[in-house]
């Protein structure tokens, strides 16, 4: 048995659930502020809402990266840590 076997600290399913949690929290914050997907997409530098909508709903395997999350928090005037809470 290799020393490097089973070194993965998180299963794929666990990672997907984490990504979905962050996306749900972002969606809730956006809706609470009364901002549309298109408005927020433009605020974070996206040219259309397609990527944004897919990332927010975790479709087509799209996801927000750290830069997106930071910009979204600033645009919505919320604490970035709120996106990571269960």
N, C-alpha and C. Protein backbone atom coordinates (compact mmCIF):
# COMPACT_ATOMS: atom_id res chain seq x y z
N UNK A 1 0.84 -1.18 0.00
CA UNK A 1 0.00 0.00 0.00
C UNK A 1 0.89 1.24 0.00
N UNK A 2 0.58 2.16 -0.88
CA UNK A 2 1.35 3.39 -1.01
C UNK A 2 1.00 4.36 0.12
N UNK A 3 1.97 5.13 0.51
CA UNK A 3 1.78 6.17 1.52
C UNK A 3 0.77 7.22 1.03
N UNK A 4 0.67 7.37 -0.28
CA UNK A 4 -0.16 8.41 -0.87
C UNK A 4 -1.58 7.96 -1.21
N UNK A 5 -1.92 6.71 -0.88
CA UNK A 5 -3.29 6.25 -1.12
C UNK A 5 -4.23 6.90 -0.12
N UNK A 6 -5.43 7.19 -0.57
CA UNK A 6 -6.48 7.72 0.29
C UNK A 6 -6.11 9.02 0.99
N UNK A 7 -5.38 9.88 0.31
CA UNK A 7 -5.01 11.16 0.91
C UNK A 7 -6.07 12.24 0.71
N UNK A 8 -7.03 11.98 -0.11
CA UNK A 8 -8.07 12.97 -0.37
C UNK A 8 -8.84 13.23 0.92
N UNK A 9 -8.95 14.48 1.29
CA UNK A 9 -9.59 14.83 2.56
C UNK A 9 -11.08 15.08 2.42
N UNK A 10 -11.58 15.15 1.19
CA UNK A 10 -13.01 15.39 0.98
C UNK A 10 -13.48 14.62 -0.24
N UNK A 11 -14.61 13.98 -0.09
CA UNK A 11 -15.21 13.24 -1.19
C UNK A 11 -15.86 14.20 -2.17
N UNK A 12 -16.01 13.77 -3.41
CA UNK A 12 -16.62 14.60 -4.45
C UNK A 12 -18.02 15.05 -4.06
N UNK A 13 -18.79 14.14 -3.48
CA UNK A 13 -20.16 14.48 -3.05
C UNK A 13 -20.15 15.60 -2.01
N UNK A 14 -19.23 15.53 -1.07
CA UNK A 14 -19.11 16.55 -0.03
C UNK A 14 -18.75 17.91 -0.63
N UNK A 15 -17.88 17.91 -1.61
CA UNK A 15 -17.48 19.15 -2.27
C UNK A 15 -18.66 19.75 -3.03
N UNK A 16 -19.41 18.91 -3.74
CA UNK A 16 -20.59 19.40 -4.47
C UNK A 16 -21.60 20.01 -3.51
N UNK A 17 -21.81 19.39 -2.37
CA UNK A 17 -22.75 19.94 -1.38
C UNK A 17 -22.27 21.28 -0.84
N UNK A 18 -20.97 21.42 -0.65
CA UNK A 18 -20.41 22.70 -0.20
C UNK A 18 -20.63 23.78 -1.25
N UNK A 19 -20.38 23.46 -2.51
CA UNK A 19 -20.58 24.42 -3.59
C UNK A 19 -22.04 24.83 -3.68
N UNK A 20 -22.94 23.86 -3.51
CA UNK A 20 -24.38 24.16 -3.54
C UNK A 20 -24.78 25.04 -2.35
N UNK A 21 -24.21 24.81 -1.18
CA UNK A 21 -24.48 25.63 -0.01
C UNK A 21 -24.11 27.08 -0.27
N UNK A 22 -22.91 27.30 -0.80
CA UNK A 22 -22.46 28.65 -1.09
C UNK A 22 -23.37 29.30 -2.12
N UNK A 23 -23.73 28.57 -3.16
CA UNK A 23 -24.61 29.11 -4.20
C UNK A 23 -25.98 29.47 -3.64
N UNK A 24 -26.53 28.61 -2.78
CA UNK A 24 -27.83 28.90 -2.15
C UNK A 24 -27.76 30.16 -1.29
N UNK A 25 -26.69 30.29 -0.54
CA UNK A 25 -26.53 31.47 0.32
C UNK A 25 -26.37 32.75 -0.51
N UNK A 26 -25.67 32.65 -1.61
CA UNK A 26 -25.54 33.81 -2.50
C UNK A 26 -26.89 34.16 -3.09
N UNK A 27 -27.63 33.16 -3.53
CA UNK A 27 -28.96 33.41 -4.12
C UNK A 27 -29.88 34.08 -3.10
N UNK A 28 -29.88 33.59 -1.86
CA UNK A 28 -30.73 34.17 -0.83
C UNK A 28 -30.35 35.62 -0.57
N UNK A 29 -29.06 35.90 -0.47
CA UNK A 29 -28.60 37.27 -0.22
C UNK A 29 -29.01 38.19 -1.37
N UNK A 30 -28.87 37.70 -2.60
CA UNK A 30 -29.26 38.50 -3.77
C UNK A 30 -30.74 38.80 -3.74
N UNK A 31 -31.54 37.78 -3.48
CA UNK A 31 -32.98 37.96 -3.44
C UNK A 31 -33.40 38.89 -2.30
N UNK A 32 -32.75 38.74 -1.15
CA UNK A 32 -33.06 39.61 0.00
C UNK A 32 -32.79 41.08 -0.32
N UNK A 33 -31.80 41.32 -1.17
CA UNK A 33 -31.46 42.70 -1.56
C UNK A 33 -32.28 43.19 -2.74
N UNK A 34 -33.09 42.31 -3.33
CA UNK A 34 -33.93 42.70 -4.46
C UNK A 34 -33.16 42.97 -5.74
N UNK A 35 -32.08 42.23 -5.93
CA UNK A 35 -31.22 42.39 -7.11
C UNK A 35 -31.47 41.22 -8.05
N UNK A 36 -31.58 41.49 -9.34
CA UNK A 36 -31.78 40.40 -10.30
C UNK A 36 -30.44 39.73 -10.60
N UNK A 37 -30.53 38.54 -11.20
CA UNK A 37 -29.31 37.84 -11.61
C UNK A 37 -28.53 38.67 -12.61
N UNK A 38 -29.22 39.28 -13.56
CA UNK A 38 -28.53 40.09 -14.57
C UNK A 38 -27.85 41.28 -13.93
N UNK A 39 -28.53 41.97 -13.04
CA UNK A 39 -27.91 43.12 -12.37
C UNK A 39 -26.65 42.72 -11.63
N UNK A 40 -26.73 41.62 -10.88
CA UNK A 40 -25.55 41.19 -10.12
C UNK A 40 -24.45 40.69 -11.04
N UNK A 41 -24.83 40.00 -12.09
CA UNK A 41 -23.82 39.53 -13.06
C UNK A 41 -23.04 40.71 -13.61
N UNK A 42 -23.75 41.75 -13.99
CA UNK A 42 -23.08 42.94 -14.54
C UNK A 42 -22.22 43.62 -13.47
N UNK A 43 -22.70 43.64 -12.23
CA UNK A 43 -21.95 44.27 -11.13
C UNK A 43 -20.62 43.58 -10.86
N UNK A 44 -20.55 42.28 -11.14
CA UNK A 44 -19.30 41.54 -10.88
C UNK A 44 -18.47 41.35 -12.14
N UNK A 45 -18.89 42.01 -13.22
CA UNK A 45 -18.06 42.00 -14.42
C UNK A 45 -18.42 40.95 -15.45
N UNK A 46 -19.54 40.26 -15.28
CA UNK A 46 -19.98 39.30 -16.29
C UNK A 46 -20.79 40.05 -17.34
N UNK A 47 -20.70 39.63 -18.58
CA UNK A 47 -21.37 40.34 -19.67
C UNK A 47 -22.82 39.94 -19.85
N UNK A 48 -23.20 38.81 -19.26
CA UNK A 48 -24.58 38.36 -19.34
C UNK A 48 -24.90 37.59 -18.06
N UNK A 49 -26.14 37.21 -17.93
CA UNK A 49 -26.53 36.48 -16.73
C UNK A 49 -26.37 34.96 -16.89
N UNK A 50 -26.00 34.49 -18.06
CA UNK A 50 -25.92 33.04 -18.30
C UNK A 50 -24.97 32.34 -17.33
N UNK A 51 -23.73 32.78 -17.27
CA UNK A 51 -22.77 32.16 -16.35
C UNK A 51 -23.27 32.30 -14.92
N UNK A 52 -23.70 33.50 -14.57
CA UNK A 52 -24.14 33.77 -13.21
C UNK A 52 -25.28 32.82 -12.82
N UNK A 53 -26.30 32.72 -13.66
CA UNK A 53 -27.46 31.87 -13.37
C UNK A 53 -27.04 30.42 -13.22
N UNK A 54 -26.15 29.95 -14.08
CA UNK A 54 -25.68 28.56 -13.99
C UNK A 54 -24.88 28.33 -12.70
N UNK A 55 -24.07 29.29 -12.30
CA UNK A 55 -23.29 29.14 -11.07
C UNK A 55 -24.20 29.19 -9.85
N UNK A 56 -25.16 30.10 -9.86
CA UNK A 56 -26.05 30.25 -8.72
C UNK A 56 -26.92 29.00 -8.53
N UNK A 57 -27.27 28.36 -9.62
CA UNK A 57 -28.11 27.16 -9.56
C UNK A 57 -27.30 25.87 -9.70
N UNK A 58 -25.99 25.99 -9.78
CA UNK A 58 -25.06 24.87 -9.93
C UNK A 58 -25.50 23.95 -11.06
N UNK A 59 -25.72 24.55 -12.22
CA UNK A 59 -26.04 23.79 -13.42
C UNK A 59 -24.87 23.89 -14.39
N UNK A 60 -24.81 22.95 -15.29
CA UNK A 60 -23.73 22.87 -16.27
C UNK A 60 -22.35 22.89 -15.60
N UNK A 61 -22.31 22.41 -14.37
CA UNK A 61 -21.07 22.33 -13.60
C UNK A 61 -20.38 23.69 -13.42
N UNK A 62 -21.14 24.75 -13.46
CA UNK A 62 -20.59 26.10 -13.25
C UNK A 62 -20.56 26.38 -11.76
N UNK A 63 -19.55 27.12 -11.36
CA UNK A 63 -19.42 27.50 -9.95
C UNK A 63 -18.71 28.83 -9.82
N UNK A 64 -18.98 29.50 -8.72
CA UNK A 64 -18.32 30.77 -8.44
C UNK A 64 -16.90 30.49 -7.95
N UNK A 65 -15.97 31.35 -8.35
CA UNK A 65 -14.63 31.25 -7.80
C UNK A 65 -14.50 32.29 -6.68
N UNK A 66 -13.36 32.36 -6.04
CA UNK A 66 -13.19 33.28 -4.92
C UNK A 66 -13.33 34.74 -5.33
N UNK A 67 -12.87 35.08 -6.51
CA UNK A 67 -13.03 36.45 -6.98
C UNK A 67 -14.50 36.80 -7.15
N UNK A 68 -15.27 35.90 -7.74
CA UNK A 68 -16.71 36.13 -7.89
C UNK A 68 -17.36 36.34 -6.52
N UNK A 69 -17.03 35.45 -5.58
CA UNK A 69 -17.65 35.50 -4.25
C UNK A 69 -17.31 36.82 -3.56
N UNK A 70 -16.08 37.24 -3.67
CA UNK A 70 -15.67 38.52 -3.07
C UNK A 70 -16.44 39.68 -3.69
N UNK A 71 -16.53 39.71 -5.01
CA UNK A 71 -17.24 40.78 -5.70
C UNK A 71 -18.74 40.77 -5.37
N UNK A 72 -19.31 39.59 -5.28
CA UNK A 72 -20.73 39.48 -4.94
C UNK A 72 -20.98 40.04 -3.54
N UNK A 73 -20.14 39.68 -2.60
CA UNK A 73 -20.29 40.19 -1.23
C UNK A 73 -20.21 41.72 -1.21
N UNK A 74 -19.27 42.27 -1.95
CA UNK A 74 -19.15 43.74 -2.01
C UNK A 74 -20.36 44.36 -2.69
N UNK A 75 -20.81 43.78 -3.78
CA UNK A 75 -21.94 44.32 -4.51
C UNK A 75 -23.22 44.30 -3.68
N UNK A 76 -23.38 43.25 -2.88
CA UNK A 76 -24.59 43.12 -2.06
C UNK A 76 -24.43 43.72 -0.67
N UNK A 77 -23.23 44.18 -0.37
CA UNK A 77 -22.90 44.77 0.93
C UNK A 77 -23.22 43.79 2.06
N UNK A 78 -22.69 42.58 1.91
CA UNK A 78 -22.83 41.56 2.94
C UNK A 78 -21.44 41.02 3.29
N UNK A 79 -21.35 40.38 4.45
CA UNK A 79 -20.10 39.79 4.88
C UNK A 79 -19.87 38.52 4.07
N UNK A 80 -18.74 38.40 3.45
CA UNK A 80 -18.42 37.25 2.61
C UNK A 80 -18.54 35.94 3.40
N UNK A 81 -18.29 35.98 4.68
CA UNK A 81 -18.38 34.77 5.49
C UNK A 81 -19.80 34.21 5.56
N UNK A 82 -20.80 35.06 5.36
CA UNK A 82 -22.19 34.61 5.38
C UNK A 82 -22.47 33.58 4.29
N UNK A 83 -21.73 33.62 3.22
CA UNK A 83 -21.95 32.67 2.13
C UNK A 83 -21.52 31.26 2.48
N UNK A 84 -20.72 31.11 3.53
CA UNK A 84 -20.17 29.81 3.89
C UNK A 84 -20.87 29.16 5.08
N UNK A 85 -21.91 29.81 5.59
CA UNK A 85 -22.61 29.30 6.78
C UNK A 85 -23.72 28.33 6.41
N UNK A 86 -23.84 27.28 7.22
CA UNK A 86 -24.91 26.30 7.00
C UNK A 86 -26.23 26.85 7.46
